[in-house]
Amino acid sequence: MSSVNFVSLYHHAPCGLLTFDINGTILYANQTLLTWLGKTAEAVIGTKFTDLLEKGGKIYYQLFVHPLLQLKNEVNEVNLYINSARGAMPCLFSASLFTECDTTELVFNATLFKVADRKKYEEELLMKKKQAEAENEAQTATLEEVAFAQSHLVRAPLANILGLISLLEHIDMDEEGKSIVQMVQTSAIQLDKKIRALADKLNS
């Protein structure tokens, strides 16, 4: 098995790698990060880590992230925006305290993972969710309108049936006929109540 080229691995890692001292001065940066920034190593080494951040990110880092690093010696997956060659780029920033073997100097090793694509997917999913909810609401509203209209269409002939039953009650007929009329009337009244209840529910 061939030996691993750690220098190549460092510079071509799929994330930004950098090292800065306790004052925030950048000591090392890998090629991946430099490519994102659109800068050379000479232009980045010696500058402050906060110089890589957009304005809002600088304030957030100075107020919250840096004190946390000083207190706990590490932070994990903090959302920050760096000034890339293409504009502000969202990243997940993690860092931990490390002692340089040669100098015993305390430094922070940090990673920056680009999350622009993930944010784009999340926004697309959120948009699709909202579209689905809007379509569902529209379908529900349409079904309610149809149900309401149908309830009125049903009640119209039902009212005619009840009117006819009222007339039949004044006609002489045998007990069997009266029983049939009574049964139809009871069923019609019950159906009318159910339709009224449905219409009231749709209106509420």
N, C-alpha and C. Protein backbone atom coordinates (compact mmCIF):
# COMPACT_ATOMS: atom_id res chain seq x y z
N MET A 1 0.84 -1.19 0.00
CA MET A 1 0.00 0.00 0.00
C MET A 1 0.89 1.25 0.00
N SER A 2 0.58 2.19 -0.88
CA SER A 2 1.38 3.41 -0.96
C SER A 2 1.11 4.28 0.25
N SER A 3 2.13 5.05 0.65
CA SER A 3 2.00 5.93 1.81
C SER A 3 1.06 7.09 1.49
N VAL A 4 0.40 7.58 2.51
CA VAL A 4 -0.54 8.68 2.34
C VAL A 4 0.23 9.99 2.25
N ASN A 5 -0.10 10.80 1.27
CA ASN A 5 0.50 12.12 1.14
C ASN A 5 -0.32 13.08 1.99
N PHE A 6 0.12 13.32 3.22
CA PHE A 6 -0.67 14.11 4.15
C PHE A 6 -0.75 15.58 3.73
N VAL A 7 0.28 16.06 3.06
CA VAL A 7 0.25 17.45 2.59
C VAL A 7 -0.85 17.63 1.55
N SER A 8 -0.91 16.67 0.61
CA SER A 8 -1.95 16.71 -0.41
C SER A 8 -3.33 16.55 0.22
N LEU A 9 -3.43 15.63 1.20
CA LEU A 9 -4.70 15.42 1.89
C LEU A 9 -5.15 16.69 2.60
N TYR A 10 -4.20 17.38 3.22
CA TYR A 10 -4.52 18.62 3.93
C TYR A 10 -5.03 19.69 2.97
N HIS A 11 -4.31 19.89 1.89
CA HIS A 11 -4.65 20.99 0.99
C HIS A 11 -5.87 20.72 0.11
N HIS A 12 -6.17 19.44 -0.12
CA HIS A 12 -7.29 19.12 -1.02
C HIS A 12 -8.44 18.44 -0.29
N ALA A 13 -8.50 18.64 1.01
CA ALA A 13 -9.64 18.12 1.78
C ALA A 13 -10.92 18.79 1.30
N PRO A 14 -12.06 18.10 1.41
CA PRO A 14 -13.33 18.67 0.93
C PRO A 14 -13.92 19.72 1.88
N CYS A 15 -13.08 20.28 2.74
CA CYS A 15 -13.52 21.33 3.66
C CYS A 15 -12.37 22.30 3.86
N GLY A 16 -12.70 23.48 4.34
CA GLY A 16 -11.66 24.46 4.63
C GLY A 16 -10.98 24.12 5.95
N LEU A 17 -9.66 24.15 5.95
CA LEU A 17 -8.88 23.88 7.16
C LEU A 17 -7.98 25.08 7.44
N LEU A 18 -7.90 25.50 8.69
CA LEU A 18 -7.01 26.60 9.03
C LEU A 18 -6.60 26.50 10.49
N THR A 19 -5.52 27.17 10.78
CA THR A 19 -5.00 27.24 12.15
C THR A 19 -4.76 28.70 12.48
N PHE A 20 -5.24 29.12 13.65
CA PHE A 20 -4.98 30.50 14.08
C PHE A 20 -4.62 30.51 15.56
N ASP A 21 -3.88 31.54 15.97
CA ASP A 21 -3.44 31.60 17.36
C ASP A 21 -4.56 32.13 18.25
N ILE A 22 -4.27 32.25 19.54
CA ILE A 22 -5.33 32.64 20.49
C ILE A 22 -5.80 34.07 20.26
N ASN A 23 -5.05 34.84 19.49
CA ASN A 23 -5.47 36.21 19.16
C ASN A 23 -6.24 36.27 17.85
N GLY A 24 -6.38 35.10 17.20
CA GLY A 24 -7.14 35.05 15.96
C GLY A 24 -6.32 35.24 14.70
N THR A 25 -4.99 35.36 14.83
CA THR A 25 -4.13 35.52 13.65
C THR A 25 -3.96 34.19 12.93
N ILE A 26 -4.24 34.18 11.64
CA ILE A 26 -4.18 32.94 10.86
C ILE A 26 -2.73 32.53 10.61
N LEU A 27 -2.42 31.27 10.93
CA LEU A 27 -1.07 30.73 10.76
C LEU A 27 -0.97 29.81 9.54
N TYR A 28 -2.02 29.04 9.30
CA TYR A 28 -2.06 28.12 8.16
C TYR A 28 -3.48 28.12 7.57
N ALA A 29 -3.55 27.83 6.28
CA ALA A 29 -4.85 27.67 5.62
C ALA A 29 -4.66 26.72 4.44
N ASN A 30 -5.59 25.79 4.26
CA ASN A 30 -5.41 24.84 3.16
C ASN A 30 -5.90 25.42 1.84
N GLN A 31 -5.57 24.72 0.76
CA GLN A 31 -5.87 25.23 -0.57
C GLN A 31 -7.37 25.29 -0.83
N THR A 32 -8.11 24.37 -0.24
CA THR A 32 -9.57 24.39 -0.42
C THR A 32 -10.15 25.71 0.06
N LEU A 33 -9.75 26.14 1.25
CA LEU A 33 -10.24 27.41 1.79
C LEU A 33 -9.77 28.58 0.94
N LEU A 34 -8.51 28.54 0.52
CA LEU A 34 -7.98 29.63 -0.31
C LEU A 34 -8.74 29.74 -1.62
N THR A 35 -9.11 28.59 -2.19
CA THR A 35 -9.88 28.58 -3.43
C THR A 35 -11.25 29.20 -3.21
N TRP A 36 -11.90 28.84 -2.11
CA TRP A 36 -13.20 29.45 -1.79
C TRP A 36 -13.08 30.96 -1.67
N LEU A 37 -12.00 31.40 -1.01
CA LEU A 37 -11.81 32.83 -0.77
C LEU A 37 -11.37 33.57 -2.03
N GLY A 38 -10.77 32.83 -2.96
CA GLY A 38 -10.22 33.46 -4.16
C GLY A 38 -8.97 34.25 -3.83
N LYS A 39 -8.19 33.76 -2.85
CA LYS A 39 -6.99 34.47 -2.41
C LYS A 39 -5.80 33.51 -2.34
N THR A 40 -4.61 34.10 -2.29
CA THR A 40 -3.40 33.31 -2.13
C THR A 40 -3.09 33.13 -0.65
N ALA A 41 -2.19 32.19 -0.36
CA ALA A 41 -1.80 31.97 1.03
C ALA A 41 -1.15 33.22 1.61
N GLU A 42 -0.37 33.92 0.79
CA GLU A 42 0.31 35.13 1.25
C GLU A 42 -0.69 36.21 1.66
N ALA A 43 -1.83 36.25 0.98
CA ALA A 43 -2.83 37.27 1.28
C ALA A 43 -3.65 36.95 2.52
N VAL A 44 -3.62 35.68 2.94
CA VAL A 44 -4.44 35.25 4.08
C VAL A 44 -3.62 35.06 5.36
N ILE A 45 -2.45 34.43 5.23
CA ILE A 45 -1.60 34.18 6.41
C ILE A 45 -1.21 35.51 7.06
N GLY A 46 -1.40 35.60 8.35
CA GLY A 46 -1.06 36.82 9.07
C GLY A 46 -2.23 37.74 9.31
N THR A 47 -3.34 37.49 8.61
CA THR A 47 -4.55 38.29 8.84
C THR A 47 -5.37 37.65 9.96
N LYS A 48 -6.38 38.36 10.41
CA LYS A 48 -7.25 37.84 11.46
C LYS A 48 -8.32 36.93 10.86
N PHE A 49 -8.71 35.91 11.62
CA PHE A 49 -9.78 35.03 11.15
C PHE A 49 -11.06 35.82 10.89
N THR A 50 -11.32 36.81 11.72
CA THR A 50 -12.54 37.61 11.54
C THR A 50 -12.53 38.39 10.23
N ASP A 51 -11.33 38.58 9.63
CA ASP A 51 -11.26 39.27 8.34
C ASP A 51 -11.91 38.44 7.23
N LEU A 52 -12.06 37.14 7.47
CA LEU A 52 -12.68 36.27 6.47
C LEU A 52 -14.20 36.32 6.54
N LEU A 53 -14.73 36.87 7.63
CA LEU A 53 -16.17 36.84 7.86
C LEU A 53 -16.86 38.09 7.35
N GLU A 54 -18.13 37.92 6.96
CA GLU A 54 -18.91 39.10 6.59
C GLU A 54 -19.26 39.88 7.86
N LYS A 55 -19.74 41.10 7.70
CA LYS A 55 -19.88 42.04 8.81
C LYS A 55 -20.67 41.47 9.99
N GLY A 56 -21.84 40.91 9.71
CA GLY A 56 -22.66 40.35 10.78
C GLY A 56 -21.97 39.19 11.47
N GLY A 57 -21.24 38.38 10.68
CA GLY A 57 -20.52 37.24 11.23
C GLY A 57 -19.39 37.67 12.16
N LYS A 58 -18.74 38.79 11.82
CA LYS A 58 -17.67 39.31 12.69
C LYS A 58 -18.21 39.64 14.07
N ILE A 59 -19.33 40.35 14.09
CA ILE A 59 -19.93 40.75 15.37
C ILE A 59 -20.34 39.52 16.17
N TYR A 60 -20.97 38.56 15.50
CA TYR A 60 -21.42 37.34 16.17
C TYR A 60 -20.23 36.57 16.73
N TYR A 61 -19.17 36.48 15.93
CA TYR A 61 -17.98 35.74 16.37
C TYR A 61 -17.35 36.40 17.59
N GLN A 62 -17.22 37.72 17.54
CA GLN A 62 -16.56 38.44 18.64
C GLN A 62 -17.39 38.41 19.92
N LEU A 63 -18.72 38.44 19.78
CA LEU A 63 -19.59 38.49 20.96
C LEU A 63 -19.85 37.12 21.57
N PHE A 64 -19.93 36.09 20.73
CA PHE A 64 -20.36 34.78 21.22
C PHE A 64 -19.34 33.66 21.01
N VAL A 65 -18.84 33.53 19.78
CA VAL A 65 -17.98 32.39 19.46
C VAL A 65 -16.61 32.50 20.14
N HIS A 66 -15.97 33.64 20.01
CA HIS A 66 -14.63 33.81 20.61
C HIS A 66 -14.65 33.62 22.13
N PRO A 67 -15.60 34.23 22.86
CA PRO A 67 -15.65 33.97 24.31
C PRO A 67 -15.87 32.50 24.64
N LEU A 68 -16.66 31.81 23.81
CA LEU A 68 -16.90 30.39 24.04
C LEU A 68 -15.63 29.58 23.82
N LEU A 69 -14.85 29.96 22.82
CA LEU A 69 -13.57 29.30 22.58
C LEU A 69 -12.62 29.50 23.76
N GLN A 70 -12.62 30.71 24.29
CA GLN A 70 -11.75 31.01 25.43
C GLN A 70 -12.18 30.23 26.67
N LEU A 71 -13.49 30.02 26.80
CA LEU A 71 -14.02 29.36 27.99
C LEU A 71 -13.91 27.84 27.91
N LYS A 72 -14.31 27.27 26.76
CA LYS A 72 -14.37 25.81 26.63
C LYS A 72 -13.28 25.21 25.75
N ASN A 73 -12.52 26.07 25.10
CA ASN A 73 -11.42 25.63 24.22
C ASN A 73 -11.90 24.91 22.97
N GLU A 74 -13.19 24.95 22.71
CA GLU A 74 -13.71 24.36 21.47
C GLU A 74 -15.12 24.85 21.19
N VAL A 75 -15.49 24.82 19.92
CA VAL A 75 -16.87 25.08 19.49
C VAL A 75 -17.16 24.10 18.37
N ASN A 76 -18.44 23.79 18.17
CA ASN A 76 -18.81 22.83 17.13
C ASN A 76 -19.99 23.31 16.30
N GLU A 77 -19.81 23.24 15.00
CA GLU A 77 -20.88 23.48 14.02
C GLU A 77 -21.62 24.80 14.26
N VAL A 78 -20.84 25.87 14.29
CA VAL A 78 -21.41 27.21 14.42
C VAL A 78 -21.65 27.76 13.02
N ASN A 79 -22.84 28.30 12.78
CA ASN A 79 -23.15 28.88 11.47
C ASN A 79 -22.44 30.22 11.30
N LEU A 80 -21.59 30.31 10.29
CA LEU A 80 -20.90 31.56 9.97
C LEU A 80 -20.92 31.76 8.46
N TYR A 81 -20.84 33.01 8.04
CA TYR A 81 -20.75 33.33 6.62
C TYR A 81 -19.36 33.90 6.34
N ILE A 82 -18.63 33.30 5.39
CA ILE A 82 -17.32 33.82 5.02
C ILE A 82 -17.44 34.57 3.69
N ASN A 83 -16.54 35.52 3.50
CA ASN A 83 -16.53 36.29 2.26
C ASN A 83 -15.77 35.51 1.19
N SER A 84 -16.49 34.71 0.43
CA SER A 84 -15.86 33.91 -0.62
C SER A 84 -15.72 34.75 -1.89
N ALA A 85 -15.08 34.17 -2.88
CA ALA A 85 -14.91 34.87 -4.16
C ALA A 85 -16.25 35.12 -4.84
N ARG A 86 -17.28 34.37 -4.45
CA ARG A 86 -18.61 34.51 -5.06
C ARG A 86 -19.61 35.20 -4.13
N GLY A 87 -19.11 35.79 -3.06
CA GLY A 87 -20.00 36.45 -2.11
C GLY A 87 -20.06 35.70 -0.79
N ALA A 88 -20.98 36.12 0.07
CA ALA A 88 -21.11 35.50 1.39
C ALA A 88 -21.49 34.03 1.24
N MET A 89 -20.72 33.15 1.87
CA MET A 89 -20.95 31.71 1.75
C MET A 89 -21.19 31.11 3.14
N PRO A 90 -22.34 30.43 3.34
CA PRO A 90 -22.64 29.84 4.65
C PRO A 90 -21.75 28.63 4.92
N CYS A 91 -21.23 28.56 6.15
CA CYS A 91 -20.36 27.46 6.55
C CYS A 91 -20.67 27.04 7.98
N LEU A 92 -20.31 25.80 8.29
CA LEU A 92 -20.35 25.32 9.67
C LEU A 92 -18.92 25.34 10.20
N PHE A 93 -18.71 26.14 11.22
CA PHE A 93 -17.38 26.36 11.79
C PHE A 93 -17.20 25.55 13.06
N SER A 94 -16.11 24.78 13.13
CA SER A 94 -15.74 24.05 14.34
C SER A 94 -14.27 24.32 14.61
N ALA A 95 -13.91 24.39 15.90
CA ALA A 95 -12.51 24.64 16.26
C ALA A 95 -12.21 24.06 17.63
N SER A 96 -10.96 23.67 17.83
CA SER A 96 -10.54 23.16 19.13
C SER A 96 -9.10 23.58 19.41
N LEU A 97 -8.80 23.72 20.69
CA LEU A 97 -7.47 24.16 21.12
C LEU A 97 -6.45 23.04 20.93
N PHE A 98 -5.27 23.42 20.51
CA PHE A 98 -4.22 22.44 20.22
C PHE A 98 -2.87 23.06 20.60
N THR A 99 -1.97 22.24 21.08
CA THR A 99 -0.63 22.71 21.44
C THR A 99 0.36 22.31 20.35
N GLU A 100 1.00 23.29 19.73
CA GLU A 100 2.01 23.01 18.71
C GLU A 100 3.17 22.24 19.35
N CYS A 101 3.54 21.13 18.73
CA CYS A 101 4.59 20.27 19.30
C CYS A 101 5.95 20.97 19.35
N ASP A 102 6.25 21.72 18.29
CA ASP A 102 7.58 22.33 18.19
C ASP A 102 7.74 23.53 19.11
N THR A 103 6.70 24.33 19.23
CA THR A 103 6.82 25.59 19.97
C THR A 103 6.03 25.61 21.26
N THR A 104 5.20 24.59 21.49
CA THR A 104 4.28 24.54 22.65
C THR A 104 3.32 25.73 22.65
N GLU A 105 3.18 26.37 21.50
CA GLU A 105 2.24 27.50 21.38
C GLU A 105 0.81 26.97 21.32
N LEU A 106 -0.08 27.66 22.00
CA LEU A 106 -1.49 27.28 21.94
C LEU A 106 -2.13 27.87 20.69
N VAL A 107 -2.73 27.01 19.89
CA VAL A 107 -3.39 27.45 18.65
C VAL A 107 -4.74 26.76 18.54
N PHE A 108 -5.55 27.27 17.64
CA PHE A 108 -6.84 26.64 17.36
C PHE A 108 -6.81 26.05 15.96
N ASN A 109 -7.10 24.76 15.86
CA ASN A 109 -7.30 24.12 14.56
C ASN A 109 -8.79 24.17 14.24
N ALA A 110 -9.11 24.62 13.05
CA ALA A 110 -10.52 24.84 12.71
C ALA A 110 -10.89 24.23 11.36
N THR A 111 -12.15 23.90 11.23
CA THR A 111 -12.70 23.41 9.96
C THR A 111 -13.87 24.28 9.55
N LEU A 112 -14.03 24.43 8.26
CA LEU A 112 -15.17 25.15 7.69
C LEU A 112 -15.82 24.24 6.65
N PHE A 113 -17.04 23.83 6.90
CA PHE A 113 -17.78 22.99 5.95
C PHE A 113 -18.80 23.85 5.22
N LYS A 114 -18.71 23.84 3.90
CA LYS A 114 -19.64 24.63 3.09
C LYS A 114 -21.02 23.99 3.13
N VAL A 115 -22.03 24.79 3.45
CA VAL A 115 -23.40 24.25 3.55
C VAL A 115 -24.36 24.99 2.62
N ALA A 116 -23.83 25.66 1.61
CA ALA A 116 -24.68 26.40 0.69
C ALA A 116 -25.67 25.48 -0.01
N ASP A 117 -25.19 24.30 -0.46
CA ASP A 117 -26.07 23.36 -1.16
C ASP A 117 -27.15 22.83 -0.23
N ARG A 118 -26.76 22.53 1.03
CA ARG A 118 -27.74 22.02 1.98
C ARG A 118 -28.82 23.06 2.26
N LYS A 119 -28.40 24.32 2.40
CA LYS A 119 -29.37 25.38 2.65
C LYS A 119 -30.32 25.52 1.46
N LYS A 120 -29.76 25.36 0.25
CA LYS A 120 -30.58 25.45 -0.95
C LYS A 120 -31.62 24.33 -0.97
N TYR A 121 -31.19 23.11 -0.63
CA TYR A 121 -32.12 21.98 -0.59
C TYR A 121 -33.18 22.20 0.48
N GLU A 122 -32.77 22.72 1.64
CA GLU A 122 -33.72 22.98 2.73
C GLU A 122 -34.75 24.01 2.30
N GLU A 123 -34.30 25.05 1.60
CA GLU A 123 -35.22 26.08 1.12
C GLU A 123 -36.18 25.51 0.08
N GLU A 124 -35.66 24.64 -0.80
CA GLU A 124 -36.51 24.01 -1.81
C GLU A 124 -37.55 23.10 -1.15
N LEU A 125 -37.13 22.34 -0.14
CA LEU A 125 -38.06 21.46 0.58
C LEU A 125 -39.12 22.27 1.30
N LEU A 126 -38.71 23.40 1.91
CA LEU A 126 -39.66 24.26 2.60
C LEU A 126 -40.66 24.85 1.62
N MET A 127 -40.16 25.25 0.44
CA MET A 127 -41.03 25.82 -0.58
C MET A 127 -42.04 24.78 -1.07
N LYS A 128 -41.55 23.54 -1.30
CA LYS A 128 -42.45 22.47 -1.76
C LYS A 128 -43.49 22.14 -0.69
N LYS A 129 -43.07 22.18 0.58
CA LYS A 129 -43.99 21.92 1.68
C LYS A 129 -45.09 22.98 1.71
N LYS A 130 -44.70 24.25 1.55
CA LYS A 130 -45.68 25.33 1.55
C LYS A 130 -46.62 25.21 0.35
N GLN A 131 -46.07 24.82 -0.81
CA GLN A 131 -46.90 24.63 -2.00
C GLN A 131 -47.91 23.51 -1.78
N ALA A 132 -47.44 22.40 -1.17
CA ALA A 132 -48.33 21.27 -0.90
C ALA A 132 -49.43 21.67 0.08
N GLU A 133 -49.06 22.45 1.10
CA GLU A 133 -50.06 22.90 2.08
C GLU A 133 -51.08 23.82 1.42
N ALA A 134 -50.60 24.71 0.54
CA ALA A 134 -51.51 25.63 -0.15
C ALA A 134 -52.46 24.86 -1.07
N GLU A 135 -51.91 23.85 -1.78
CA GLU A 135 -52.75 23.03 -2.66
C GLU A 135 -53.77 22.24 -1.85
N ASN A 136 -53.35 21.73 -0.70
CA ASN A 136 -54.26 20.98 0.16
C ASN A 136 -55.38 21.86 0.68
N GLU A 137 -55.03 23.10 1.07
CA GLU A 137 -56.04 24.05 1.54
C GLU A 137 -57.03 24.39 0.42
N ALA A 138 -56.48 24.56 -0.79
CA ALA A 138 -57.34 24.88 -1.94
C ALA A 138 -58.29 23.73 -2.25
N GLN A 139 -57.76 22.50 -2.19
CA GLN A 139 -58.60 21.32 -2.45
C GLN A 139 -59.68 21.18 -1.38
N THR A 140 -59.30 21.42 -0.12
CA THR A 140 -60.27 21.34 0.97
C THR A 140 -61.37 22.37 0.79
N ALA A 141 -60.97 23.60 0.42
CA ALA A 141 -61.96 24.66 0.21
C ALA A 141 -62.90 24.30 -0.94
N THR A 142 -62.33 23.71 -2.01
CA THR A 142 -63.15 23.31 -3.16
C THR A 142 -64.15 22.22 -2.76
N LEU A 143 -63.66 21.23 -2.01
CA LEU A 143 -64.54 20.14 -1.57
C LEU A 143 -65.65 20.66 -0.67
N GLU A 144 -65.32 21.63 0.18
CA GLU A 144 -66.34 22.21 1.06
C GLU A 144 -67.39 22.96 0.25
N GLU A 145 -66.93 23.69 -0.77
CA GLU A 145 -67.87 24.42 -1.63
C GLU A 145 -68.79 23.45 -2.37
N VAL A 146 -68.18 22.36 -2.89
CA VAL A 146 -68.98 21.36 -3.61
C VAL A 146 -69.99 20.71 -2.67
N ALA A 147 -69.52 20.34 -1.47
CA ALA A 147 -70.42 19.70 -0.50
C ALA A 147 -71.55 20.63 -0.10
N PHE A 148 -71.21 21.92 0.07
CA PHE A 148 -72.24 22.90 0.44
C PHE A 148 -73.27 23.05 -0.68
N ALA A 149 -72.76 23.13 -1.92
CA ALA A 149 -73.67 23.27 -3.06
C ALA A 149 -74.55 22.03 -3.20
N GLN A 150 -73.94 20.85 -3.02
CA GLN A 150 -74.70 19.61 -3.14
C GLN A 150 -75.77 19.50 -2.06
N SER A 151 -75.44 19.99 -0.85
CA SER A 151 -76.42 19.92 0.23
C SER A 151 -77.67 20.73 -0.11
N HIS A 152 -77.46 21.87 -0.77
CA HIS A 152 -78.61 22.69 -1.17
C HIS A 152 -79.38 22.04 -2.32
N LEU A 153 -78.63 21.38 -3.22
CA LEU A 153 -79.30 20.69 -4.32
C LEU A 153 -80.17 19.55 -3.81
N VAL A 154 -79.69 18.88 -2.75
CA VAL A 154 -80.45 17.77 -2.18
C VAL A 154 -81.65 18.28 -1.40
N ARG A 155 -81.47 19.40 -0.70
CA ARG A 155 -82.55 19.91 0.15
C ARG A 155 -83.73 20.43 -0.67
N ALA A 156 -83.45 20.88 -1.89
CA ALA A 156 -84.54 21.41 -2.72
C ALA A 156 -85.60 20.34 -3.02
N PRO A 157 -85.22 19.17 -3.58
CA PRO A 157 -86.25 18.14 -3.80
C PRO A 157 -86.79 17.56 -2.49
N LEU A 158 -85.95 17.57 -1.45
CA LEU A 158 -86.40 17.08 -0.15
C LEU A 158 -87.52 17.95 0.40
N ALA A 159 -87.39 19.26 0.17
CA ALA A 159 -88.45 20.18 0.61
C ALA A 159 -89.76 19.89 -0.14
N ASN A 160 -89.62 19.53 -1.43
CA ASN A 160 -90.81 19.17 -2.21
C ASN A 160 -91.47 17.91 -1.66
N ILE A 161 -90.63 16.94 -1.25
CA ILE A 161 -91.17 15.69 -0.69
C ILE A 161 -91.93 15.97 0.59
N LEU A 162 -91.33 16.81 1.46
CA LEU A 162 -91.99 17.15 2.73
C LEU A 162 -93.30 17.90 2.48
N GLY A 163 -93.29 18.76 1.44
CA GLY A 163 -94.53 19.47 1.10
C GLY A 163 -95.61 18.52 0.61
N LEU A 164 -95.19 17.54 -0.19
CA LEU A 164 -96.14 16.55 -0.70
C LEU A 164 -96.70 15.70 0.44
N ILE A 165 -95.85 15.33 1.38
CA ILE A 165 -96.31 14.55 2.54
C ILE A 165 -97.33 15.33 3.34
N SER A 166 -97.09 16.65 3.46
CA SER A 166 -98.04 17.50 4.20
C SER A 166 -99.42 17.49 3.54
N LEU A 167 -99.43 17.44 2.20
CA LEU A 167 -100.71 17.38 1.48
C LEU A 167 -101.37 16.01 1.66
N LEU A 168 -100.54 14.96 1.64
CA LEU A 168 -101.08 13.60 1.78
C LEU A 168 -101.73 13.38 3.14
N GLU A 169 -101.25 14.12 4.14
CA GLU A 169 -101.81 13.96 5.48
C GLU A 169 -103.29 14.38 5.55
N HIS A 170 -103.71 15.21 4.60
CA HIS A 170 -105.10 15.68 4.59
C HIS A 170 -106.01 14.84 3.68
N ILE A 171 -105.44 13.80 3.14
CA ILE A 171 -106.23 12.92 2.26
C ILE A 171 -106.63 11.68 3.04
N ASP A 172 -107.89 11.28 2.87
CA ASP A 172 -108.35 10.06 3.54
C ASP A 172 -107.66 8.84 2.94
N MET A 173 -107.11 8.01 3.82
CA MET A 173 -106.46 6.77 3.37
C MET A 173 -106.50 5.76 4.51
N ASP A 174 -106.27 4.50 4.16
CA ASP A 174 -106.33 3.46 5.18
C ASP A 174 -105.09 3.55 6.08
N GLU A 175 -105.06 2.70 7.10
CA GLU A 175 -103.98 2.74 8.08
C GLU A 175 -102.63 2.41 7.45
N GLU A 176 -102.64 1.50 6.51
CA GLU A 176 -101.37 1.13 5.85
C GLU A 176 -100.79 2.32 5.10
N GLY A 177 -101.67 3.06 4.41
CA GLY A 177 -101.22 4.24 3.67
C GLY A 177 -100.67 5.30 4.61
N LYS A 178 -101.42 5.51 5.73
CA LYS A 178 -100.96 6.50 6.72
C LYS A 178 -99.59 6.09 7.29
N SER A 179 -99.41 4.78 7.51
CA SER A 179 -98.15 4.29 8.06
C SER A 179 -96.99 4.55 7.10
N ILE A 180 -97.26 4.34 5.80
CA ILE A 180 -96.23 4.58 4.79
C ILE A 180 -95.86 6.06 4.73
N VAL A 181 -96.89 6.92 4.75
CA VAL A 181 -96.67 8.37 4.72
C VAL A 181 -95.86 8.81 5.94
N GLN A 182 -96.22 8.26 7.10
CA GLN A 182 -95.52 8.60 8.34
C GLN A 182 -94.05 8.17 8.28
N MET A 183 -93.81 6.99 7.73
CA MET A 183 -92.44 6.48 7.62
C MET A 183 -91.61 7.36 6.69
N VAL A 184 -92.19 7.73 5.55
CA VAL A 184 -91.49 8.59 4.59
C VAL A 184 -91.21 9.95 5.20
N GLN A 185 -92.20 10.48 5.92
CA GLN A 185 -92.04 11.79 6.56
C GLN A 185 -90.91 11.77 7.60
N THR A 186 -90.88 10.73 8.43
CA THR A 186 -89.84 10.61 9.46
C THR A 186 -88.45 10.53 8.82
N SER A 187 -88.33 9.72 7.78
CA SER A 187 -87.05 9.56 7.09
C SER A 187 -86.61 10.88 6.45
N ALA A 188 -87.56 11.58 5.83
CA ALA A 188 -87.25 12.84 5.17
C ALA A 188 -86.81 13.90 6.18
N ILE A 189 -87.48 13.96 7.32
CA ILE A 189 -87.12 14.93 8.36
C ILE A 189 -85.71 14.64 8.90
N GLN A 190 -85.42 13.36 9.14
CA GLN A 190 -84.09 12.98 9.64
C GLN A 190 -82.99 13.33 8.64
N LEU A 191 -83.26 13.07 7.36
CA LEU A 191 -82.30 13.40 6.32
C LEU A 191 -82.09 14.90 6.22
N ASP A 192 -83.19 15.65 6.33
CA ASP A 192 -83.10 17.11 6.28
C ASP A 192 -82.25 17.65 7.43
N LYS A 193 -82.41 17.07 8.62
CA LYS A 193 -81.62 17.50 9.78
C LYS A 193 -80.13 17.25 9.56
N LYS A 194 -79.81 16.09 8.99
CA LYS A 194 -78.40 15.75 8.73
C LYS A 194 -77.79 16.70 7.70
N ILE A 195 -78.56 17.02 6.67
CA ILE A 195 -78.07 17.94 5.64
C ILE A 195 -77.88 19.34 6.21
N ARG A 196 -78.82 19.78 7.07
CA ARG A 196 -78.70 21.09 7.73
C ARG A 196 -77.44 21.14 8.60
N ALA A 197 -77.21 20.05 9.33
CA ALA A 197 -76.04 19.98 10.21
C ALA A 197 -74.75 20.07 9.40
N LEU A 198 -74.72 19.38 8.25
CA LEU A 198 -73.55 19.42 7.38
C LEU A 198 -73.33 20.82 6.83
N ALA A 199 -74.42 21.46 6.38
CA ALA A 199 -74.31 22.82 5.84
C ALA A 199 -73.84 23.80 6.91
N ASP A 200 -74.36 23.67 8.13
CA ASP A 200 -73.94 24.55 9.23
C ASP A 200 -72.46 24.36 9.55
N LYS A 201 -72.01 23.09 9.49
CA LYS A 201 -70.60 22.80 9.78
C LYS A 201 -69.69 23.42 8.73
N LEU A 202 -70.09 23.35 7.48
CA LEU A 202 -69.30 23.93 6.40
C LEU A 202 -69.27 25.44 6.47
N ASN A 203 -70.35 26.04 6.99
CA ASN A 203 -70.43 27.50 7.10
C ASN A 203 -69.64 28.04 8.28
N SER A 204 -69.41 27.17 9.28
CA SER A 204 -68.74 27.64 10.52
C SER A 204 -67.23 27.76 10.32
